[in-house]
Amino acid sequence: MGSLARGLVRLAKGSARPQRAAFLQSVTGHFCAPHEDEATVNCGLDQNQFVISDSAFPGSTRVLLKRPSFCPIKHLEEGQAAALPEELRGRGVDVGVAVLLQSVDGRVLLTRRAKNLSIFPSLWVPPGGHLEPGEQLLEAGLRELQEETGLQLEPGSFSWRMLGLWESVYPPLLSRGLPRRHHIIAYLLLLSTEGHQQLQRRIKAEESEVSAYVWLEAPVLESIAAVEDGAENTRHVPSNLPPTIKATELSGGGARPMELPTATFLNTAPATGEDVERVSTGTRFALRLWLGTIATRDT
């Protein structure tokens, strides 16, 4: 992250003017019934502000907005909310952008967050970060991709589309503490005209943010997408997958090949205790949407 300034989420319903979302407000819950966890919304930049609305507006995109069933903001009790510092309660909801980069040979890049990061350490996610004021979503995604991996995609070397919106809270479970961060993540799909090996040769990942990266094929991604956080972790690896997956690890300013157990990518978020190395819940959501784009292209 180059700047401390961040874009904030604004919400609109009907003919009302967009209002800034409150930190303790469930953005998804603003658009769906209390027992539901998703809604179809319209989103985009309006006068350099990121707006989510139940109505279309110039430049908006219609997408799925979703939160996990165990979303801490959804389940926060009045006493717990009152225990949060006032400056946190007045913080608002940040806008994040994450890039699902697909090579022309059908692999998708995931990165493992550095273990010393303040939120979601050691989780596997696509490259991404905060939307800065005045940025377009694609502009922010390309900037974060370059800052974290060194990959600079030239105009004409890729196409893109928005996949969906994910409501992310950290810690992800109330059993691990009260909320400290609240984001809406816009997942973008970037389709590169280059193969993953071409892209791999240009990667110069930023070790302060990324501790490893991997190019995953469709069968592995399908299995990752099928895992439900909040369910029991069976660590069962489907018979069509290899027992290990080749990745690249960063250490001491250098990069080296390594092999990770495939089961690592199929871990679920523990209900209690410390988190484990796994693919983030939001990333699984984005991969399910990505699989939907493949099914559409194949029909």
Protein backbone atom coordinates (compact mmCIF):
# COMPACT_ATOMS: atom_id res chain seq x y z
CA MET A 1 0.00 0.00 0.00
CA GLY A 2 1.50 3.25 -1.10
CA SER A 3 -1.02 5.64 0.44
CA LEU A 4 -2.88 5.77 3.73
CA ALA A 5 -5.90 7.31 1.97
CA ARG A 6 -8.57 4.73 1.19
CA GLY A 7 -11.83 4.58 -0.67
CA LEU A 8 -14.92 4.00 1.45
CA VAL A 9 -18.17 2.21 0.64
CA ARG A 10 -21.34 4.23 0.11
CA LEU A 11 -24.80 2.67 0.00
CA ALA A 12 -27.98 3.74 -1.80
CA LYS A 13 -31.52 2.42 -1.92
CA GLY A 14 -34.26 3.65 -4.21
CA SER A 15 -33.97 7.37 -4.92
CA ALA A 16 -32.00 8.15 -1.75
CA ARG A 17 -28.56 9.71 -2.11
CA PRO A 18 -25.59 7.42 -1.32
CA GLN A 19 -24.57 7.46 2.34
CA ARG A 20 -21.31 6.24 3.83
CA ALA A 21 -21.59 2.71 5.23
CA ALA A 22 -20.92 2.50 8.97
CA PHE A 23 -18.23 0.16 10.30
CA LEU A 24 -20.78 -1.83 12.30
CA GLN A 25 -23.30 -1.98 9.45
CA SER A 26 -23.62 -5.20 7.47
CA VAL A 27 -23.40 -4.08 3.85
CA THR A 28 -24.88 -7.35 2.59
CA GLY A 29 -27.61 -7.19 5.22
CA HIS A 30 -28.57 -3.73 3.93
CA PHE A 31 -29.78 -5.40 0.72
CA CYS A 32 -31.08 -8.80 1.88
CA ALA A 33 -33.35 -10.32 4.50
CA PRO A 34 -31.76 -11.06 7.93
CA HIS A 35 -31.72 -14.82 7.32
CA GLU A 36 -30.03 -14.44 3.92
CA ASP A 37 -26.35 -13.84 3.13
CA GLU A 38 -26.35 -12.57 -0.44
CA ALA A 39 -28.00 -10.05 -2.73
CA THR A 40 -27.71 -8.95 -6.34
CA VAL A 41 -26.67 -5.30 -6.42
CA ASN A 42 -25.32 -2.60 -8.70
CA CYS A 43 -21.90 -1.15 -7.97
CA GLY A 44 -19.37 1.23 -9.44
CA LEU A 45 -17.75 4.61 -9.09
CA ASP A 46 -20.05 7.64 -8.96
CA GLN A 47 -18.24 10.97 -8.72
CA ASN A 48 -15.12 9.10 -7.55
CA GLN A 49 -17.07 7.38 -4.77
CA PHE A 50 -17.61 3.60 -4.65
CA VAL A 51 -21.36 3.09 -4.50
CA ILE A 52 -23.43 -0.07 -3.98
CA SER A 53 -27.08 0.37 -4.87
CA ASP A 54 -30.25 -1.65 -5.44
CA SER A 55 -30.77 0.39 -8.65
CA ALA A 56 -28.61 0.75 -11.75
CA PHE A 57 -26.74 4.02 -12.25
CA PRO A 58 -24.43 5.28 -15.03
CA GLY A 59 -21.31 3.10 -15.20
CA SER A 60 -22.56 0.55 -12.67
CA THR A 61 -22.18 -3.23 -12.94
CA ARG A 62 -24.74 -5.73 -11.68
CA VAL A 63 -23.05 -8.37 -9.50
CA LEU A 64 -23.53 -10.73 -6.58
CA LEU A 65 -22.72 -9.37 -3.11
CA LYS A 66 -22.14 -12.03 -0.44
CA ARG A 67 -21.06 -12.45 3.19
CA PRO A 68 -20.21 -15.68 5.04
CA SER A 69 -22.94 -17.11 7.25
CA PHE A 70 -20.61 -16.58 10.24
CA CYS A 71 -19.90 -12.91 9.40
CA PRO A 72 -18.92 -11.21 12.70
CA ILE A 73 -20.80 -8.01 11.86
CA LYS A 74 -23.98 -10.05 11.27
CA HIS A 75 -23.69 -11.78 14.67
CA LEU A 76 -22.32 -8.88 16.75
CA GLU A 77 -24.34 -8.30 19.93
CA GLU A 78 -25.12 -4.86 21.31
CA GLY A 79 -22.74 -5.22 24.23
CA GLN A 80 -19.91 -6.32 21.96
CA ALA A 81 -20.51 -3.37 19.63
CA ALA A 82 -20.42 -0.97 22.59
CA ALA A 83 -17.02 -2.41 23.62
CA LEU A 84 -15.39 -1.27 20.36
CA PRO A 85 -13.34 1.94 20.48
CA GLU A 86 -15.21 5.00 19.21
CA GLU A 87 -12.60 5.72 16.52
CA LEU A 88 -13.12 2.21 15.14
CA ARG A 89 -16.90 2.46 15.13
CA GLY A 90 -16.63 5.67 13.09
CA ARG A 91 -14.13 4.25 10.63
CA GLY A 92 -16.47 3.28 7.78
CA VAL A 93 -16.13 0.30 5.43
CA ASP A 94 -13.04 0.17 3.22
CA VAL A 95 -13.04 -0.81 -0.46
CA GLY A 96 -10.61 -3.52 -1.54
CA VAL A 97 -9.80 -4.82 -5.02
CA ALA A 98 -8.47 -8.34 -5.68
CA VAL A 99 -7.27 -9.65 -9.05
CA LEU A 100 -7.91 -13.20 -10.21
CA LEU A 101 -5.24 -13.44 -12.93
CA GLN A 102 -5.84 -16.28 -15.39
CA SER A 103 -3.13 -17.24 -17.87
CA VAL A 104 -4.01 -18.18 -21.45
CA ASP A 105 -3.36 -21.84 -20.54
CA GLY A 106 -6.03 -21.71 -17.84
CA ARG A 107 -4.02 -21.37 -14.61
CA VAL A 108 -4.86 -18.90 -11.86
CA LEU A 109 -2.31 -17.10 -9.67
CA LEU A 110 -2.71 -17.16 -5.88
CA THR A 111 -0.32 -15.64 -3.35
CA ARG A 112 0.28 -16.47 0.31
CA ARG A 113 0.13 -13.41 2.52
CA ALA A 114 3.23 -12.76 4.63
CA LYS A 115 2.98 -14.16 8.16
CA ASN A 116 3.71 -10.78 9.79
CA LEU A 117 0.82 -8.92 8.15
CA SER A 118 -1.70 -7.48 10.57
CA ILE A 119 -4.76 -9.08 8.95
CA PHE A 120 -5.23 -12.54 7.40
CA PRO A 121 -1.56 -13.60 7.71
CA SER A 122 -0.47 -16.76 5.86
CA LEU A 123 -3.74 -17.09 3.91
CA TRP A 124 -3.80 -17.79 0.17
CA VAL A 125 -5.49 -15.01 -1.80
CA PRO A 126 -5.28 -13.29 -5.19
CA PRO A 127 -3.09 -10.17 -5.35
CA GLY A 128 -5.00 -7.13 -4.10
CA GLY A 129 -5.32 -4.23 -1.71
CA HIS A 130 -7.18 -1.00 -0.99
CA LEU A 131 -8.82 1.26 -3.54
CA GLU A 132 -7.25 4.69 -3.28
CA PRO A 133 -9.38 7.83 -3.73
CA GLY A 134 -9.66 8.80 -7.41
CA GLU A 135 -8.69 5.34 -8.69
CA GLN A 136 -10.75 3.19 -11.03
CA LEU A 137 -11.24 -0.43 -9.91
CA LEU A 138 -9.11 -1.83 -12.73
CA GLU A 139 -6.43 0.78 -12.10
CA ALA A 140 -6.27 -0.23 -8.43
CA GLY A 141 -6.15 -3.94 -9.32
CA LEU A 142 -3.30 -3.49 -11.79
CA ARG A 143 -1.38 -1.33 -9.31
CA GLU A 144 -1.72 -3.90 -6.53
CA LEU A 145 -0.77 -6.72 -8.90
CA GLN A 146 2.43 -4.89 -9.82
CA GLU A 147 3.25 -3.85 -6.23
CA GLU A 148 2.84 -7.39 -4.85
CA THR A 149 4.15 -9.54 -7.72
CA GLY A 150 6.11 -7.22 -10.02
CA LEU A 151 3.81 -8.16 -12.90
CA GLN A 152 2.92 -5.24 -15.15
CA LEU A 153 0.21 -6.02 -17.69
CA GLU A 154 0.34 -3.88 -20.80
CA PRO A 155 -2.86 -2.60 -22.48
CA GLY A 156 -3.99 -5.13 -25.08
CA SER A 157 -2.38 -8.07 -23.27
CA PHE A 158 -5.48 -8.88 -21.21
CA SER A 159 -9.23 -8.52 -20.97
CA TRP A 160 -11.17 -8.15 -17.76
CA ARG A 161 -14.54 -8.21 -16.01
CA MET A 162 -15.87 -7.85 -12.50
CA LEU A 163 -16.78 -11.13 -10.82
CA GLY A 164 -18.53 -10.06 -7.60
CA LEU A 165 -18.36 -8.40 -4.19
CA TRP A 166 -17.40 -10.04 -0.91
CA GLU A 167 -17.96 -8.63 2.59
CA SER A 168 -14.80 -9.30 4.57
CA VAL A 169 -14.30 -8.77 8.32
CA TYR A 170 -11.17 -9.39 10.40
CA PRO A 171 -10.96 -11.37 12.59
CA PRO A 172 -13.24 -13.55 10.44
CA LEU A 173 -14.93 -15.17 13.47
CA LEU A 174 -16.17 -13.60 16.70
CA SER A 175 -14.51 -16.46 18.58
CA ARG A 176 -11.17 -14.85 17.64
CA GLY A 177 -12.03 -11.37 18.84
CA LEU A 178 -14.09 -8.30 17.98
CA PRO A 179 -13.95 -6.83 14.46
CA ARG A 180 -10.96 -4.62 13.69
CA ARG A 181 -11.28 -4.33 9.90
CA HIS A 182 -14.30 -4.26 7.59
CA HIS A 183 -14.00 -4.35 3.79
CA ILE A 184 -16.00 -4.86 0.66
CA ILE A 185 -13.73 -6.68 -1.79
CA ALA A 186 -14.35 -6.25 -5.52
CA TYR A 187 -13.00 -9.34 -7.29
CA LEU A 188 -11.81 -8.72 -10.85
CA LEU A 189 -11.03 -11.43 -13.40
CA LEU A 190 -8.08 -10.62 -15.68
CA LEU A 191 -7.63 -12.90 -18.70
CA SER A 192 -4.02 -12.69 -19.88
CA THR A 193 -2.91 -13.49 -23.43
CA GLU A 194 0.31 -14.98 -21.96
CA GLY A 195 0.97 -18.45 -20.59
CA HIS A 196 1.68 -18.94 -16.89
CA GLN A 197 5.36 -19.75 -17.55
CA GLN A 198 5.81 -16.45 -19.41
CA LEU A 199 4.18 -14.59 -16.56
CA GLN A 200 6.14 -16.60 -13.96
CA ARG A 201 9.46 -15.45 -15.44
CA ARG A 202 8.49 -11.81 -14.82
CA ILE A 203 7.34 -12.23 -11.23
CA LYS A 204 9.38 -10.34 -8.65
CA ALA A 205 7.18 -10.65 -5.60
CA GLU A 206 7.34 -8.23 -2.67
CA GLU A 207 8.48 -10.32 0.30
CA SER A 208 7.02 -7.94 2.89
CA GLU A 209 3.54 -8.78 1.56
CA VAL A 210 3.88 -12.16 -0.18
CA SER A 211 5.59 -15.24 1.25
CA ALA A 212 4.79 -17.63 -1.63
CA TYR A 213 2.87 -17.89 -4.89
CA VAL A 214 1.41 -20.66 -7.03
CA TRP A 215 -0.27 -21.19 -10.40
CA LEU A 216 -3.20 -23.55 -9.90
CA GLU A 217 -4.99 -25.62 -12.54
CA ALA A 218 -8.76 -25.99 -12.88
CA PRO A 219 -9.18 -29.37 -11.08
CA VAL A 220 -7.46 -28.02 -7.95
CA LEU A 221 -9.38 -24.75 -8.15
CA GLU A 222 -12.66 -26.64 -8.45
CA SER A 223 -11.87 -28.59 -5.28
CA ILE A 224 -10.89 -25.40 -3.44
CA ALA A 225 -14.14 -23.71 -4.51
CA ALA A 226 -16.16 -26.69 -3.28
CA VAL A 227 -14.86 -26.36 0.30
CA GLU A 228 -17.25 -24.62 2.72
CA ASP A 229 -15.73 -22.69 5.61
CA GLY A 230 -17.76 -23.29 8.73
CA ALA A 231 -18.04 -27.01 7.88
CA GLU A 232 -15.90 -29.75 9.40
CA ASN A 233 -12.44 -30.03 7.88
CA THR A 234 -12.04 -33.58 6.56
CA ARG A 235 -8.73 -32.79 4.77
CA HIS A 236 -9.85 -35.30 2.13
CA VAL A 237 -7.95 -34.85 -1.14
CA PRO A 238 -9.96 -36.02 -4.18
CA SER A 239 -8.36 -38.93 -6.04
CA ASN A 240 -8.00 -36.85 -9.23
CA LEU A 241 -5.60 -34.42 -7.53
CA PRO A 242 -1.87 -34.87 -6.88
CA PRO A 243 -0.77 -35.23 -3.22
CA THR A 244 1.43 -32.13 -3.49
CA ILE A 245 1.45 -28.91 -5.50
CA LYS A 246 4.51 -27.07 -6.80
CA ALA A 247 4.78 -23.47 -5.62
CA THR A 248 7.43 -20.77 -5.20
CA GLU A 249 8.49 -19.57 -1.75
CA LEU A 250 10.18 -16.27 -0.91
CA SER A 251 12.84 -16.09 1.78
CA GLY A 252 15.82 -13.85 2.45
CA GLY A 253 15.31 -11.85 -0.73
CA GLY A 254 15.30 -14.93 -2.96
CA ALA A 255 12.76 -17.34 -4.44
CA ARG A 256 12.93 -21.11 -4.40
CA PRO A 257 10.63 -23.92 -5.58
CA MET A 258 8.76 -25.89 -2.95
CA GLU A 259 6.00 -28.48 -2.73
CA LEU A 260 2.96 -28.01 -0.54
CA PRO A 261 0.49 -30.72 0.47
CA THR A 262 -2.63 -30.33 -1.66
CA ALA A 263 -4.60 -30.68 1.60
CA THR A 264 -3.27 -27.25 2.67
CA PHE A 265 -5.42 -25.61 -0.01
CA LEU A 266 -8.47 -27.54 1.20
CA ASN A 267 -8.18 -26.50 4.86
CA THR A 268 -11.20 -24.77 6.41
CA ALA A 269 -11.26 -21.96 8.95
CA PRO A 270 -11.17 -23.46 12.48
CA ALA A 271 -14.18 -22.52 14.60
CA THR A 272 -11.91 -21.77 17.58
CA GLY A 273 -8.21 -21.27 18.23
CA GLU A 274 -5.54 -20.03 15.86
CA ASP A 275 -6.15 -19.89 12.14
CA VAL A 276 -4.37 -22.25 9.75
CA GLU A 277 -2.78 -21.88 6.35
CA ARG A 278 -5.68 -22.06 3.92
CA VAL A 279 -7.39 -20.34 1.01
CA SER A 280 -9.46 -17.40 2.24
CA THR A 281 -13.24 -17.70 2.33
CA GLY A 282 -13.62 -14.74 -0.03
CA THR A 283 -11.23 -16.34 -2.52
CA ARG A 284 -13.37 -19.50 -2.55
CA PHE A 285 -16.38 -17.30 -3.34
CA ALA A 286 -14.49 -15.64 -6.21
CA LEU A 287 -13.37 -19.03 -7.57
CA ARG A 288 -16.97 -20.24 -7.63
CA LEU A 289 -17.89 -17.19 -9.71
CA TRP A 290 -14.84 -17.82 -11.92
CA LEU A 291 -15.96 -21.39 -12.54
CA GLY A 292 -19.29 -19.96 -13.64
CA THR A 293 -17.55 -17.91 -16.32
CA ILE A 294 -15.84 -21.05 -17.63
CA ALA A 295 -19.17 -22.89 -17.80
CA THR A 296 -20.67 -19.95 -19.71
CA ARG A 297 -17.81 -19.92 -22.24
CA ASP A 298 -18.09 -23.68 -22.73
CA THR A 299 -21.80 -23.63 -23.58
